[in-house]
Structures are given as C-alpha cells and as structure tokens.
Amino acid sequence: MRSQNVVISAPMSYTGSAKRLWRLTRLGPTWLRWALTIWLTVALVAVAWAAVTVWYVCAGWLMIPYRMIRRSQRRQRRDALALQERLTV
C-alpha cells in the first residue's frame, strides 16, 4: 500500500534520511541488491548523517517551527492516502 511507504520523518533528520535512502534497496534484481545497492545505501546513509549533524550544529535549531509544519503536512498526506485506499477497497 502506498500509504505505508510514506516517510513522515524530515529529510534532514537521521531517521528520515535513512528511511528515504533505504528505499533504494527495493530496486533491481536480488544479486544486484546485495552486491551493490545495500553497500551503496549504507555509505549514502553515513554521508547523509554526517551532513545532518553539520546541519544541526550550524542552523538546524532555527528551523524547528518549519519542520513541525512540514511534518504535519506529510502526516496529513499519508492519512489522505490511507483514506483513499480504504475507500477504494
């Protein structure tokens, strides 16, 4: 279901960046997934977490109100998708 794949966490958070990048492991054939995609995804998550850490140290605390509004918008989008799925079943 599409509503279960919606990531609510902010892209510039540790959880949100990891969840978004981890979706790459669903692509491609099985052997390619293990050989390249998982290792590449782990490396990208490490790079993203380093960038998130720098972001938090430099200016992340200024964005708290904006992040709260955006999280609420993403949650509403997920809920709308779930409602649409329930109505079509």
PDB file of N, CA and C in Angstrom:
ATOM      1  N   MET A   1       0.844  -1.181   0.000  1.00  0.00           N
ATOM      2  CA  MET A   1       0.000   0.000   0.000  1.00  0.00           C
ATOM      3  C   MET A   1       0.886   1.240   0.000  1.00  0.00           C
ATOM      4  N   ARG A   2       0.458   2.218  -0.751  1.00  0.00           N
ATOM      5  CA  ARG A   2       1.257   3.431  -0.881  1.00  0.00           C
ATOM      6  C   ARG A   2       1.336   4.218   0.422  1.00  0.00           C
ATOM      7  N   SER A   3       0.283   4.205   1.224  1.00  0.00           N
ATOM      8  CA  SER A   3       0.297   4.994   2.451  1.00  0.00           C
ATOM      9  C   SER A   3       1.296   4.456   3.467  1.00  0.00           C
ATOM     10  N   GLN A   4       1.631   3.180   3.388  1.00  0.00           N
ATOM     11  CA  GLN A   4       2.606   2.609   4.309  1.00  0.00           C
ATOM     12  C   GLN A   4       4.028   2.964   3.920  1.00  0.00           C
ATOM     13  N   ASN A   5       4.239   3.415   2.682  1.00  0.00           N
ATOM     14  CA  ASN A   5       5.566   3.779   2.215  1.00  0.00           C
ATOM     15  C   ASN A   5       5.905   5.245   2.425  1.00  0.00           C
ATOM     16  N   VAL A   6       4.962   6.039   2.924  1.00  0.00           N
ATOM     17  CA  VAL A   6       5.196   7.456   3.146  1.00  0.00           C
ATOM     18  C   VAL A   6       6.082   7.625   4.370  1.00  0.00           C
ATOM     19  N   VAL A   7       7.161   8.385   4.196  1.00  0.00           N
ATOM     20  CA  VAL A   7       8.082   8.660   5.302  1.00  0.00           C
ATOM     21  C   VAL A   7       7.677   9.992   5.918  1.00  0.00           C
ATOM     22  N   ILE A   8       7.334   9.976   7.186  1.00  0.00           N
ATOM     23  CA  ILE A   8       6.886  11.182   7.869  1.00  0.00           C
ATOM     24  C   ILE A   8       8.064  11.981   8.409  1.00  0.00           C
ATOM     25  N   SER A   9       9.117  11.311   8.785  1.00  0.00           N
ATOM     26  CA  SER A   9      10.275  11.992   9.352  1.00  0.00           C
ATOM     27  C   SER A   9      10.880  12.968   8.348  1.00  0.00           C
ATOM     28  N   ALA A  10      11.431  14.052   8.851  1.00  0.00           N
ATOM     29  CA  ALA A  10      12.018  15.085   7.992  1.00  0.00           C
ATOM     30  C   ALA A  10      13.216  14.540   7.227  1.00  0.00           C
ATOM     31  N   PRO A  11      13.416  15.013   6.005  1.00  0.00           N
ATOM     32  CA  PRO A  11      14.568  14.554   5.226  1.00  0.00           C
ATOM     33  C   PRO A  11      15.900  14.912   5.876  1.00  0.00           C
ATOM     34  N   MET A  12      15.940  15.985   6.623  1.00  0.00           N
ATOM     35  CA  MET A  12      17.183  16.384   7.284  1.00  0.00           C
ATOM     36  C   MET A  12      17.220  15.891   8.732  1.00  0.00           C
ATOM     37  N   SER A  13      16.661  14.713   8.977  1.00  0.00           N
ATOM     38  CA  SER A  13      16.796  14.055  10.275  1.00  0.00           C
ATOM     39  C   SER A  13      17.471  12.715  10.037  1.00  0.00           C
ATOM     40  N   TYR A  14      18.009  12.147  11.083  1.00  0.00           N
ATOM     41  CA  TYR A  14      18.704  10.869  10.934  1.00  0.00           C
ATOM     42  C   TYR A  14      17.745   9.782  10.437  1.00  0.00           C
ATOM     43  N   THR A  15      16.597   9.690  11.064  1.00  0.00           N
ATOM     44  CA  THR A  15      15.632   8.661  10.686  1.00  0.00           C
ATOM     45  C   THR A  15      15.077   8.894   9.289  1.00  0.00           C
ATOM     46  N   GLY A  16      14.702  10.122   8.990  1.00  0.00           N
ATOM     47  CA  GLY A  16      14.121  10.430   7.689  1.00  0.00           C
ATOM     48  C   GLY A  16      15.085  10.199   6.547  1.00  0.00           C
ATOM     49  N   SER A  17      16.331  10.620   6.713  1.00  0.00           N
ATOM     50  CA  SER A  17      17.306  10.420   5.636  1.00  0.00           C
ATOM     51  C   SER A  17      17.591   8.936   5.440  1.00  0.00           C
ATOM     52  N   ALA A  18      17.694   8.184   6.525  1.00  0.00           N
ATOM     53  CA  ALA A  18      17.964   6.747   6.402  1.00  0.00           C
ATOM     54  C   ALA A  18      16.792   6.021   5.755  1.00  0.00           C
ATOM     55  N   LYS A  19      15.566   6.347   6.137  1.00  0.00           N
ATOM     56  CA  LYS A  19      14.399   5.678   5.550  1.00  0.00           C
ATOM     57  C   LYS A  19      14.283   5.971   4.068  1.00  0.00           C
ATOM     58  N   ARG A  20      14.540   7.213   3.682  1.00  0.00           N
ATOM     59  CA  ARG A  20      14.439   7.567   2.270  1.00  0.00           C
ATOM     60  C   ARG A  20      15.523   6.877   1.451  1.00  0.00           C
ATOM     61  N   LEU A  21      16.726   6.826   1.966  1.00  0.00           N
ATOM     62  CA  LEU A  21      17.812   6.165   1.236  1.00  0.00           C
ATOM     63  C   LEU A  21      17.648   4.651   1.247  1.00  0.00           C
ATOM     64  N   TRP A  22      17.099   4.106   2.303  1.00  0.00           N
ATOM     65  CA  TRP A  22      16.949   2.649   2.387  1.00  0.00           C
ATOM     66  C   TRP A  22      15.937   2.126   1.370  1.00  0.00           C
ATOM     67  N   ARG A  23      15.072   3.007   0.864  1.00  0.00           N
ATOM     68  CA  ARG A  23      14.133   2.592  -0.170  1.00  0.00           C
ATOM     69  C   ARG A  23      14.858   2.163  -1.445  1.00  0.00           C
ATOM     70  N   LEU A  24      16.115   2.574  -1.608  1.00  0.00           N
ATOM     71  CA  LEU A  24      16.890   2.164  -2.779  1.00  0.00           C
ATOM     72  C   LEU A  24      17.111   0.662  -2.813  1.00  0.00           C
ATOM     73  N   THR A  25      17.054  -0.004  -1.669  1.00  0.00           N
ATOM     74  CA  THR A  25      17.313  -1.445  -1.639  1.00  0.00           C
ATOM     75  C   THR A  25      16.179  -2.235  -2.275  1.00  0.00           C
ATOM     76  N   ARG A  26      15.061  -1.607  -2.539  1.00  0.00           N
ATOM     77  CA  ARG A  26      13.939  -2.311  -3.170  1.00  0.00           C
ATOM     78  C   ARG A  26      14.081  -2.366  -4.681  1.00  0.00           C
ATOM     79  N   LEU A  27      15.104  -1.739  -5.221  1.00  0.00           N
ATOM     80  CA  LEU A  27      15.280  -1.680  -6.672  1.00  0.00           C
ATOM     81  C   LEU A  27      16.170  -2.810  -7.159  1.00  0.00           C
ATOM     82  N   GLY A  28      15.946  -3.221  -8.373  1.00  0.00           N
ATOM     83  CA  GLY A  28      16.844  -4.158  -9.042  1.00  0.00           C
ATOM     84  C   GLY A  28      16.678  -5.602  -8.621  1.00  0.00           C
ATOM     85  N   PRO A  29      17.405  -6.495  -9.344  1.00  0.00           N
ATOM     86  CA  PRO A  29      17.349  -7.927  -9.021  1.00  0.00           C
ATOM     87  C   PRO A  29      18.045  -8.240  -7.694  1.00  0.00           C
ATOM     88  N   THR A  30      17.813  -9.420  -7.178  1.00  0.00           N
ATOM     89  CA  THR A  30      18.307  -9.796  -5.859  1.00  0.00           C
ATOM     90  C   THR A  30      19.821  -9.740  -5.764  1.00  0.00           C
ATOM     91  N   TRP A  31      20.538 -10.300  -6.728  1.00  0.00           N
ATOM     92  CA  TRP A  31      22.006 -10.324  -6.645  1.00  0.00           C
ATOM     93  C   TRP A  31      22.576  -8.916  -6.698  1.00  0.00           C
ATOM     94  N   LEU A  32      21.967  -8.052  -7.508  1.00  0.00           N
ATOM     95  CA  LEU A  32      22.434  -6.674  -7.590  1.00  0.00           C
ATOM     96  C   LEU A  32      22.144  -5.933  -6.291  1.00  0.00           C
ATOM     97  N   ARG A  33      21.007  -6.250  -5.701  1.00  0.00           N
ATOM     98  CA  ARG A  33      20.626  -5.619  -4.438  1.00  0.00           C
ATOM     99  C   ARG A  33      21.677  -5.879  -3.370  1.00  0.00           C
ATOM    100  N   TRP A  34      22.135  -7.107  -3.263  1.00  0.00           N
ATOM    101  CA  TRP A  34      23.124  -7.443  -2.236  1.00  0.00           C
ATOM    102  C   TRP A  34      24.512  -6.949  -2.598  1.00  0.00           C
ATOM    103  N   ALA A  35      24.854  -7.042  -3.856  1.00  0.00           N
ATOM    104  CA  ALA A  35      26.213  -6.707  -4.268  1.00  0.00           C
ATOM    105  C   ALA A  35      26.485  -5.213  -4.244  1.00  0.00           C
ATOM    106  N   LEU A  36      25.545  -4.421  -4.677  1.00  0.00           N
ATOM    107  CA  LEU A  36      25.819  -3.005  -4.847  1.00  0.00           C
ATOM    108  C   LEU A  36      24.912  -2.113  -4.026  1.00  0.00           C
ATOM    109  N   THR A  37      23.642  -2.365  -4.087  1.00  0.00           N
ATOM    110  CA  THR A  37      22.683  -1.418  -3.546  1.00  0.00           C
ATOM    111  C   THR A  37      22.775  -1.268  -2.038  1.00  0.00           C
ATOM    112  N   ILE A  38      22.879  -2.356  -1.317  1.00  0.00           N
ATOM    113  CA  ILE A  38      22.920  -2.245   0.142  1.00  0.00           C
ATOM    114  C   ILE A  38      24.189  -1.533   0.605  1.00  0.00           C
ATOM    115  N   TRP A  39      25.326  -1.891   0.027  1.00  0.00           N
ATOM    116  CA  TRP A  39      26.573  -1.223   0.430  1.00  0.00           C
ATOM    117  C   TRP A  39      26.559   0.241   0.040  1.00  0.00           C
ATOM    118  N   LEU A  40      26.025   0.536  -1.128  1.00  0.00           N
ATOM    119  CA  LEU A  40      25.916   1.924  -1.557  1.00  0.00           C
ATOM    120  C   LEU A  40      24.962   2.695  -0.649  1.00  0.00           C
ATOM    121  N   THR A  41      23.861   2.079  -0.293  1.00  0.00           N
ATOM    122  CA  THR A  41      22.891   2.730   0.585  1.00  0.00           C
ATOM    123  C   THR A  41      23.484   2.996   1.960  1.00  0.00           C
ATOM    124  N   VAL A  42      24.209   2.044   2.502  1.00  0.00           N
ATOM    125  CA  VAL A  42      24.848   2.241   3.812  1.00  0.00           C
ATOM    126  C   VAL A  42      25.845   3.394   3.745  1.00  0.00           C
ATOM    127  N   ALA A  43      26.605   3.461   2.663  1.00  0.00           N
ATOM    128  CA  ALA A  43      27.560   4.560   2.503  1.00  0.00           C
ATOM    129  C   ALA A  43      26.833   5.895   2.383  1.00  0.00           C
ATOM    130  N   LEU A  44      25.742   5.913   1.616  1.00  0.00           N
ATOM    131  CA  LEU A  44      24.969   7.146   1.472  1.00  0.00           C
ATOM    132  C   LEU A  44      24.330   7.573   2.790  1.00  0.00           C
ATOM    133  N   VAL A  45      23.871   6.616   3.584  1.00  0.00           N
ATOM    134  CA  VAL A  45      23.299   6.943   4.895  1.00  0.00           C
ATOM    135  C   VAL A  45      24.373   7.566   5.786  1.00  0.00           C
ATOM    136  N   ALA A  46      25.576   7.025   5.758  1.00  0.00           N
ATOM    137  CA  ALA A  46      26.673   7.593   6.563  1.00  0.00           C
ATOM    138  C   ALA A  46      26.970   9.025   6.136  1.00  0.00           C
ATOM    139  N   VAL A  47      27.006   9.263   4.830  1.00  0.00           N
ATOM    140  CA  VAL A  47      27.255  10.623   4.325  1.00  0.00           C
ATOM    141  C   VAL A  47      26.100  11.544   4.710  1.00  0.00           C
ATOM    142  N   ALA A  48      24.876  11.056   4.572  1.00  0.00           N
ATOM    143  CA  ALA A  48      23.709  11.875   4.922  1.00  0.00           C
ATOM    144  C   ALA A  48      23.705  12.211   6.412  1.00  0.00           C
ATOM    145  N   TRP A  49      24.069  11.247   7.255  1.00  0.00           N
ATOM    146  CA  TRP A  49      24.095  11.518   8.691  1.00  0.00           C
ATOM    147  C   TRP A  49      25.177  12.526   9.043  1.00  0.00           C
ATOM    148  N   ALA A  50      26.291  12.491   8.353  1.00  0.00           N
ATOM    149  CA  ALA A  50      27.326  13.500   8.587  1.00  0.00           C
ATOM    150  C   ALA A  50      26.805  14.883   8.195  1.00  0.00           C
ATOM    151  N   ALA A  51      26.098  14.958   7.061  1.00  0.00           N
ATOM    152  CA  ALA A  51      25.525  16.235   6.631  1.00  0.00           C
ATOM    153  C   ALA A  51      24.452  16.713   7.606  1.00  0.00           C
ATOM    154  N   VAL A  52      23.637  15.799   8.106  1.00  0.00           N
ATOM    155  CA  VAL A  52      22.601  16.165   9.077  1.00  0.00           C
ATOM    156  C   VAL A  52      23.234  16.689  10.358  1.00  0.00           C
ATOM    157  N   THR A  53      24.306  16.061  10.797  1.00  0.00           N
ATOM    158  CA  THR A  53      24.994  16.522  12.004  1.00  0.00           C
ATOM    159  C   THR A  53      25.534  17.937  11.814  1.00  0.00           C
ATOM    160  N   VAL A  54      26.154  18.198  10.672  1.00  0.00           N
ATOM    161  CA  VAL A  54      26.649  19.550  10.391  1.00  0.00           C
ATOM    162  C   VAL A  54      25.490  20.526  10.338  1.00  0.00           C
ATOM    163  N   TRP A  55      24.389  20.109   9.727  1.00  0.00           N
ATOM    164  CA  TRP A  55      23.212  20.971   9.630  1.00  0.00           C
ATOM    165  C   TRP A  55      22.679  21.322  11.014  1.00  0.00           C
ATOM    166  N   TYR A  56      22.540  20.320  11.882  1.00  0.00           N
ATOM    167  CA  TYR A  56      22.029  20.584  13.225  1.00  0.00           C
ATOM    168  C   TYR A  56      22.943  21.525  14.004  1.00  0.00           C
ATOM    169  N   VAL A  57      24.226  21.333  13.877  1.00  0.00           N
ATOM    170  CA  VAL A  57      25.177  22.176  14.618  1.00  0.00           C
ATOM    171  C   VAL A  57      25.110  23.610  14.118  1.00  0.00           C
ATOM    172  N   CYS A  58      25.002  23.797  12.810  1.00  0.00           N
ATOM    173  CA  CYS A  58      25.050  25.143  12.240  1.00  0.00           C
ATOM    174  C   CYS A  58      23.722  25.893  12.316  1.00  0.00           C
ATOM    175  N   ALA A  59      22.643  25.295  11.824  1.00  0.00           N
ATOM    176  CA  ALA A  59      21.412  26.089  11.699  1.00  0.00           C
ATOM    177  C   ALA A  59      20.139  25.305  11.949  1.00  0.00           C
ATOM    178  N   GLY A  60      20.230  24.066  12.341  1.00  0.00           N
ATOM    179  CA  GLY A  60      19.035  23.249  12.480  1.00  0.00           C
ATOM    180  C   GLY A  60      18.052  23.755  13.511  1.00  0.00           C
ATOM    181  N   TRP A  61      18.531  24.323  14.577  1.00  0.00           N
ATOM    182  CA  TRP A  61      17.624  24.769  15.634  1.00  0.00           C
ATOM    183  C   TRP A  61      16.769  25.946  15.191  1.00  0.00           C
ATOM    184  N   LEU A  62      17.179  26.665  14.156  1.00  0.00           N
ATOM    185  CA  LEU A  62      16.370  27.776  13.649  1.00  0.00           C
ATOM    186  C   LEU A  62      15.149  27.288  12.873  1.00  0.00           C
ATOM    187  N   MET A  63      15.185  26.041  12.439  1.00  0.00           N
ATOM    188  CA  MET A  63      14.145  25.509  11.570  1.00  0.00           C
ATOM    189  C   MET A  63      13.072  24.719  12.317  1.00  0.00           C
ATOM    190  N   ILE A  64      13.060  24.725  13.620  1.00  0.00           N
ATOM    191  CA  ILE A  64      12.117  23.907  14.386  1.00  0.00           C
ATOM    192  C   ILE A  64      10.659  24.213  14.032  1.00  0.00           C
ATOM    193  N   PRO A  65      10.230  25.473  13.969  1.00  0.00           N
ATOM    194  CA  PRO A  65       8.821  25.714  13.604  1.00  0.00           C
ATOM    195  C   PRO A  65       8.490  25.221  12.195  1.00  0.00           C
ATOM    196  N   TYR A  66       9.382  25.447  11.248  1.00  0.00           N
ATOM    197  CA  TYR A  66       9.150  24.999   9.875  1.00  0.00           C
ATOM    198  C   TYR A  66       9.050  23.479   9.808  1.00  0.00           C
ATOM    199  N   ARG A  67       9.925  22.778  10.520  1.00  0.00           N
ATOM    200  CA  ARG A  67       9.912  21.322  10.499  1.00  0.00           C
ATOM    201  C   ARG A  67       8.629  20.773  11.103  1.00  0.00           C
ATOM    202  N   MET A  68       8.093  21.428  12.123  1.00  0.00           N
ATOM    203  CA  MET A  68       6.842  20.969  12.720  1.00  0.00           C
ATOM    204  C   MET A  68       5.690  21.104  11.729  1.00  0.00           C
ATOM    205  N   ILE A  69       5.664  22.198  10.978  1.00  0.00           N
ATOM    206  CA  ILE A  69       4.607  22.399   9.982  1.00  0.00           C
ATOM    207  C   ILE A  69       4.737  21.368   8.868  1.00  0.00           C
ATOM    208  N   ARG A  70       5.940  21.160   8.367  1.00  0.00           N
ATOM    209  CA  ARG A  70       6.147  20.195   7.284  1.00  0.00           C
ATOM    210  C   ARG A  70       5.804  18.777   7.721  1.00  0.00           C
ATOM    211  N   ARG A  71       6.139  18.421   8.950  1.00  0.00           N
ATOM    212  CA  ARG A  71       5.817  17.077   9.435  1.00  0.00           C
ATOM    213  C   ARG A  71       4.302  16.881   9.462  1.00  0.00           C
ATOM    214  N   SER A  72       3.594  17.900   9.884  1.00  0.00           N
ATOM    215  CA  SER A  72       2.137  17.820   9.908  1.00  0.00           C
ATOM    216  C   SER A  72       1.579  17.671   8.494  1.00  0.00           C
ATOM    217  N   GLN A  73       2.178  18.345   7.515  1.00  0.00           N
ATOM    218  CA  GLN A  73       1.720  18.212   6.132  1.00  0.00           C
ATOM    219  C   GLN A  73       1.969  16.802   5.606  1.00  0.00           C
ATOM    220  N   ARG A  74       3.139  16.232   5.907  1.00  0.00           N
ATOM    221  CA  ARG A  74       3.435  14.871   5.455  1.00  0.00           C
ATOM    222  C   ARG A  74       2.496  13.871   6.120  1.00  0.00           C
ATOM    223  N   ARG A  75       2.181  14.079   7.372  1.00  0.00           N
ATOM    224  CA  ARG A  75       1.264  13.187   8.075  1.00  0.00           C
ATOM    225  C   ARG A  75      -0.138  13.266   7.474  1.00  0.00           C
ATOM    226  N   GLN A  76      -0.580  14.468   7.138  1.00  0.00           N
ATOM    227  CA  GLN A  76      -1.888  14.629   6.509  1.00  0.00           C
ATOM    228  C   GLN A  76      -1.928  13.950   5.142  1.00  0.00           C
ATOM    229  N   ARG A  77      -0.832  14.032   4.388  1.00  0.00           N
ATOM    230  CA  ARG A  77      -0.780  13.373   3.078  1.00  0.00           C
ATOM    231  C   ARG A  77      -0.867  11.861   3.235  1.00  0.00           C
ATOM    232  N   ARG A  78      -0.160  11.313   4.232  1.00  0.00           N
ATOM    233  CA  ARG A  78      -0.222   9.874   4.477  1.00  0.00           C
ATOM    234  C   ARG A  78      -1.634   9.455   4.872  1.00  0.00           C
ATOM    235  N   ASP A  79      -2.259  10.229   5.733  1.00  0.00           N
ATOM    236  CA  ASP A  79      -3.616   9.907   6.166  1.00  0.00           C
ATOM    237  C   ASP A  79      -4.603   9.983   5.007  1.00  0.00           C
ATOM    238  N   ALA A  80      -4.425  10.955   4.106  1.00  0.00           N
ATOM    239  CA  ALA A  80      -5.301  11.070   2.941  1.00  0.00           C
ATOM    240  C   ALA A  80      -5.118   9.867   2.019  1.00  0.00           C
ATOM    241  N   LEU A  81      -3.883   9.414   1.837  1.00  0.00           N
ATOM    242  CA  LEU A  81      -3.639   8.224   1.015  1.00  0.00           C
ATOM    243  C   LEU A  81      -4.279   6.989   1.639  1.00  0.00           C
ATOM    244  N   ALA A  82      -4.157   6.862   2.957  1.00  0.00           N
ATOM    245  CA  ALA A  82      -4.758   5.715   3.638  1.00  0.00           C
ATOM    246  C   ALA A  82      -6.278   5.725   3.510  1.00  0.00           C
ATOM    247  N   LEU A  83      -6.868   6.897   3.633  1.00  0.00           N
ATOM    248  CA  LEU A  83      -8.319   7.025   3.487  1.00  0.00           C
ATOM    249  C   LEU A  83      -8.740   6.659   2.066  1.00  0.00           C
ATOM    250  N   GLN A  84      -7.988   7.139   1.091  1.00  0.00           N
ATOM    251  CA  GLN A  84      -8.306   6.824  -0.300  1.00  0.00           C
ATOM    252  C   GLN A  84      -8.196   5.319  -0.557  1.00  0.00           C
ATOM    253  N   GLU A  85      -7.207   4.664   0.034  1.00  0.00           N
ATOM    254  CA  GLU A  85      -7.060   3.216  -0.116  1.00  0.00           C
ATOM    255  C   GLU A  85      -8.223   2.470   0.525  1.00  0.00           C
ATOM    256  N   ARG A  86      -8.662   2.942   1.692  1.00  0.00           N
ATOM    257  CA  ARG A  86      -9.791   2.277   2.361  1.00  0.00           C
ATOM    258  C   ARG A  86     -11.078   2.455   1.563  1.00  0.00           C
ATOM    259  N   LEU A  87     -11.245   3.605   0.942  1.00  0.00           N
ATOM    260  CA  LEU A  87     -12.466   3.840   0.175  1.00  0.00           C
ATOM    261  C   LEU A  87     -12.505   3.069  -1.132  1.00  0.00           C
ATOM    262  N   THR A  88     -11.342   2.755  -1.708  1.00  0.00           N
ATOM    263  CA  THR A  88     -11.310   2.043  -2.976  1.00  0.00           C
ATOM    264  C   THR A  88     -11.369   0.536  -2.797  1.00  0.00           C
ATOM    265  N   VAL A  89     -11.145   0.050  -1.596  1.00  0.00           N
ATOM    266  CA  VAL A  89     -11.151  -1.418  -1.371  1.00  0.00           C
ATOM    267  C   VAL A  89     -12.537  -1.924  -1.211  1.00  0.00           C
TER     268      VAL A  89
END
